[in-house]
């Protein structure tokens, strides 16, 4: 049975505990071959979350097989004892993982020096500036660099944990756990933290309605006239309001939605290129290829190959 330790500090974000749920479901299927879960803190006792919920913890002791550090809403410098324990984990534990802003603790302990890492997008620039020896990628769900793992914010801790379980016990088990958690199995580590709709941040319900319509009808031409009708505006009004609220033209926004949908289909790995192009509204492979080159700097085929290599296929 492998031991997993999750370190909490006062002010930790409760979402970090969700990562343990994946291990809990793994134990239900693995029995004695599963995981022993321990919640740790420097001195043990009750640790308070950012919402003041108390969690009982054990003090640092025997180094677990996998050590994880939970994130905080506002990451603080770790104590010397915590920094030392995590640094020791880099030499003694099989794996060390920083969930969300827990990556800052790993960086303080020197474990991110020369390594690729990610964290919550809102803190990525700070992590890079404070720890220039790390290679921070703000646009990743999770990253594995040798024995060091880091995840983006909030729910991406579950994606990282599913990947850890997959590494230990194979894809069938991680897929089964994902179904029980009612989450996507599993977002590849390279998937973007950002959603095209979130990036656009429209203010009015009419523009939001038009964008939702576009995402649900990507096979359509999605002309300005069609989107304007969904927004209950004239085409001229719609174009003006859309640009004022999003800073983009409707055509550019629609392309971003098509690209996001196409990338997800490629990550799933079950669809032919012609099917991806048709279902996302690019009409043909060549048009989709040109859009990928503009936005990602590589064609869809190269992206699919990279994802397969990353997933060990």
Foldseek 3Di string as FASTA:
>chain_A
DFEEEEEDAAQFAPLLCVQVLLQVLLCVVPPPPGYHYFYEYQPFQWHAHNVGDTDGHDHDDDQTQEYEYTHHPDDDADDPSLLVVLLVCLVVHQAYEYEANNVLSCVSNVNQQCHEWEHALVCQVVSCVVRVRHRYDDFWQKDDDRRYIYGYHRPSSNLVSLVVVCVVPNLVSSVVSCVVVVHPSHQFRNHTPDDLVVLQQFDDPLQVQLLVVLLVPQLDPSDLCVSCVSSVHHSVVSQVSSCVGRVDGSVVSSLSSLLNQLLVVLLVVPDDQQVSCNVRRLNGQVSQQVSCCVPPVGGSVVSSVVSCVSVPD
